[in-house]
Amino acid sequence: MPPAFAALLKACWSVQPSHRPSAQRMLQSLQDMQADVADHVYQEAVAAQDSVEQGTIQLASCPDLSLLLAI
């Protein structure tokens, strides 16, 4: 469980109602977490694309490419 989500859940169950987040604060926290997840997924996708492109470049520069394709 993401730490930010765990912290929000813990705050929601505070014994003192005045320490619990408002609905607006919960919504804002969830939206922030969603944006963080979306950014993380985007960064992972870019890294994966870079990895594939690098592998393609390495494969294209292989002198024995015809041997690899014949397998």
C-alpha atoms as a PDB file:
ATOM      1  CA  MET A   1       0.000   0.000   0.000  1.00  0.00           C
ATOM      2  CA  PRO A   2       1.415   3.397  -0.910  1.00  0.00           C
ATOM      3  CA  PRO A   3       2.575   5.320   2.181  1.00  0.00           C
ATOM      4  CA  ALA A   4       0.456   8.373   1.344  1.00  0.00           C
ATOM      5  CA  PHE A   5      -2.680   6.237   1.121  1.00  0.00           C
ATOM      6  CA  ALA A   6      -1.874   4.479   4.396  1.00  0.00           C
ATOM      7  CA  ALA A   7      -1.389   7.869   6.074  1.00  0.00           C
ATOM      8  CA  LEU A   8      -4.742   9.086   4.751  1.00  0.00           C
ATOM      9  CA  LEU A   9      -6.503   5.971   6.018  1.00  0.00           C
ATOM     10  CA  LYS A  10      -4.863   6.344   9.423  1.00  0.00           C
ATOM     11  CA  ALA A  11      -5.918   9.995   9.601  1.00  0.00           C
ATOM     12  CA  CYS A  12      -9.504   9.065   8.712  1.00  0.00           C
ATOM     13  CA  TRP A  13      -9.639   6.699  11.704  1.00  0.00           C
ATOM     14  CA  SER A  14      -8.220   9.177  14.203  1.00  0.00           C
ATOM     15  CA  VAL A  15      -9.824   8.905  17.643  1.00  0.00           C
ATOM     16  CA  GLN A  16     -10.251  12.667  17.723  1.00  0.00           C
ATOM     17  CA  PRO A  17     -12.697  13.816  15.045  1.00  0.00           C
ATOM     18  CA  SER A  18     -10.919  17.162  14.793  1.00  0.00           C
ATOM     19  CA  HIS A  19      -7.810  15.306  13.562  1.00  0.00           C
ATOM     20  CA  ARG A  20      -9.703  13.568  10.755  1.00  0.00           C
ATOM     21  CA  PRO A  21      -9.403  15.100   7.288  1.00  0.00           C
ATOM     22  CA  SER A  22     -12.390  16.819   5.758  1.00  0.00           C
ATOM     23  CA  ALA A  23     -14.023  15.338   2.679  1.00  0.00           C
ATOM     24  CA  GLN A  24     -12.398  18.103   0.619  1.00  0.00           C
ATOM     25  CA  ARG A  25      -8.955  17.287   2.051  1.00  0.00           C
ATOM     26  CA  MET A  26      -9.483  13.561   1.381  1.00  0.00           C
ATOM     27  CA  LEU A  27     -10.484  14.318  -2.203  1.00  0.00           C
ATOM     28  CA  GLN A  28      -7.420  16.537  -2.684  1.00  0.00           C
ATOM     29  CA  SER A  29      -5.140  13.869  -1.201  1.00  0.00           C
ATOM     30  CA  LEU A  30      -6.596  11.183  -3.481  1.00  0.00           C
ATOM     31  CA  GLN A  31      -6.256  13.446  -6.525  1.00  0.00           C
ATOM     32  CA  ASP A  32      -2.628  14.145  -5.615  1.00  0.00           C
ATOM     33  CA  MET A  33      -1.969  10.414  -5.265  1.00  0.00           C
ATOM     34  CA  GLN A  34      -3.653   9.767  -8.609  1.00  0.00           C
ATOM     35  CA  ALA A  35      -1.435  12.374 -10.276  1.00  0.00           C
ATOM     36  CA  ASP A  36       1.652  10.814  -8.672  1.00  0.00           C
ATOM     37  CA  VAL A  37       0.652   7.356  -9.924  1.00  0.00           C
ATOM     38  CA  ALA A  38      -0.045   8.684 -13.419  1.00  0.00           C
ATOM     39  CA  ASP A  39       3.363  10.386 -13.463  1.00  0.00           C
ATOM     40  CA  HIS A  40       5.051   7.203 -12.240  1.00  0.00           C
ATOM     41  CA  VAL A  41       3.324   5.097 -14.907  1.00  0.00           C
ATOM     42  CA  TYR A  42       4.325   7.624 -17.580  1.00  0.00           C
ATOM     43  CA  GLN A  43       7.959   7.599 -16.430  1.00  0.00           C
ATOM     44  CA  GLU A  44       7.992   3.781 -16.472  1.00  0.00           C
ATOM     45  CA  ALA A  45       6.530   3.770 -19.992  1.00  0.00           C
ATOM     46  CA  VAL A  46       9.180   6.215 -21.210  1.00  0.00           C
ATOM     47  CA  ALA A  47      11.925   4.102 -19.617  1.00  0.00           C
ATOM     48  CA  ALA A  48      10.534   0.954 -21.254  1.00  0.00           C
ATOM     49  CA  GLN A  49      10.375   2.689 -24.630  1.00  0.00           C
ATOM     50  CA  ASP A  50      13.967   3.890 -24.233  1.00  0.00           C
ATOM     51  CA  SER A  51      15.041   0.354 -23.366  1.00  0.00           C
ATOM     52  CA  VAL A  52      13.344  -1.075 -26.452  1.00  0.00           C
ATOM     53  CA  GLU A  53      14.866   1.615 -28.662  1.00  0.00           C
ATOM     54  CA  GLN A  54      18.327   0.951 -27.219  1.00  0.00           C
ATOM     55  CA  GLY A  55      17.914  -2.774 -27.826  1.00  0.00           C
ATOM     56  CA  THR A  56      16.788  -2.099 -31.387  1.00  0.00           C
ATOM     57  CA  ILE A  57      19.844   0.091 -32.002  1.00  0.00           C
ATOM     58  CA  GLN A  58      22.138  -2.600 -30.596  1.00  0.00           C
ATOM     59  CA  LEU A  59      20.471  -5.276 -32.691  1.00  0.00           C
ATOM     60  CA  ALA A  60      20.652  -3.174 -35.848  1.00  0.00           C
ATOM     61  CA  SER A  61      24.384  -2.630 -35.321  1.00  0.00           C
ATOM     62  CA  CYS A  62      25.032  -6.358 -34.866  1.00  0.00           C
ATOM     63  CA  PRO A  63      27.356  -7.575 -37.653  1.00  0.00           C
ATOM     64  CA  ASP A  64      25.754 -11.017 -37.552  1.00  0.00           C
ATOM     65  CA  LEU A  65      22.204  -9.745 -37.844  1.00  0.00           C
ATOM     66  CA  SER A  66      21.495 -12.081 -40.736  1.00  0.00           C
ATOM     67  CA  LEU A  67      22.531 -15.022 -38.547  1.00  0.00           C
ATOM     68  CA  LEU A  68      20.211 -13.897 -35.764  1.00  0.00           C
ATOM     69  CA  LEU A  69      17.295 -13.530 -38.153  1.00  0.00           C
ATOM     70  CA  ALA A  70      17.880 -16.978 -39.629  1.00  0.00           C
ATOM     71  CA  ILE A  71      17.330 -18.657 -36.255  1.00  0.00           C
END
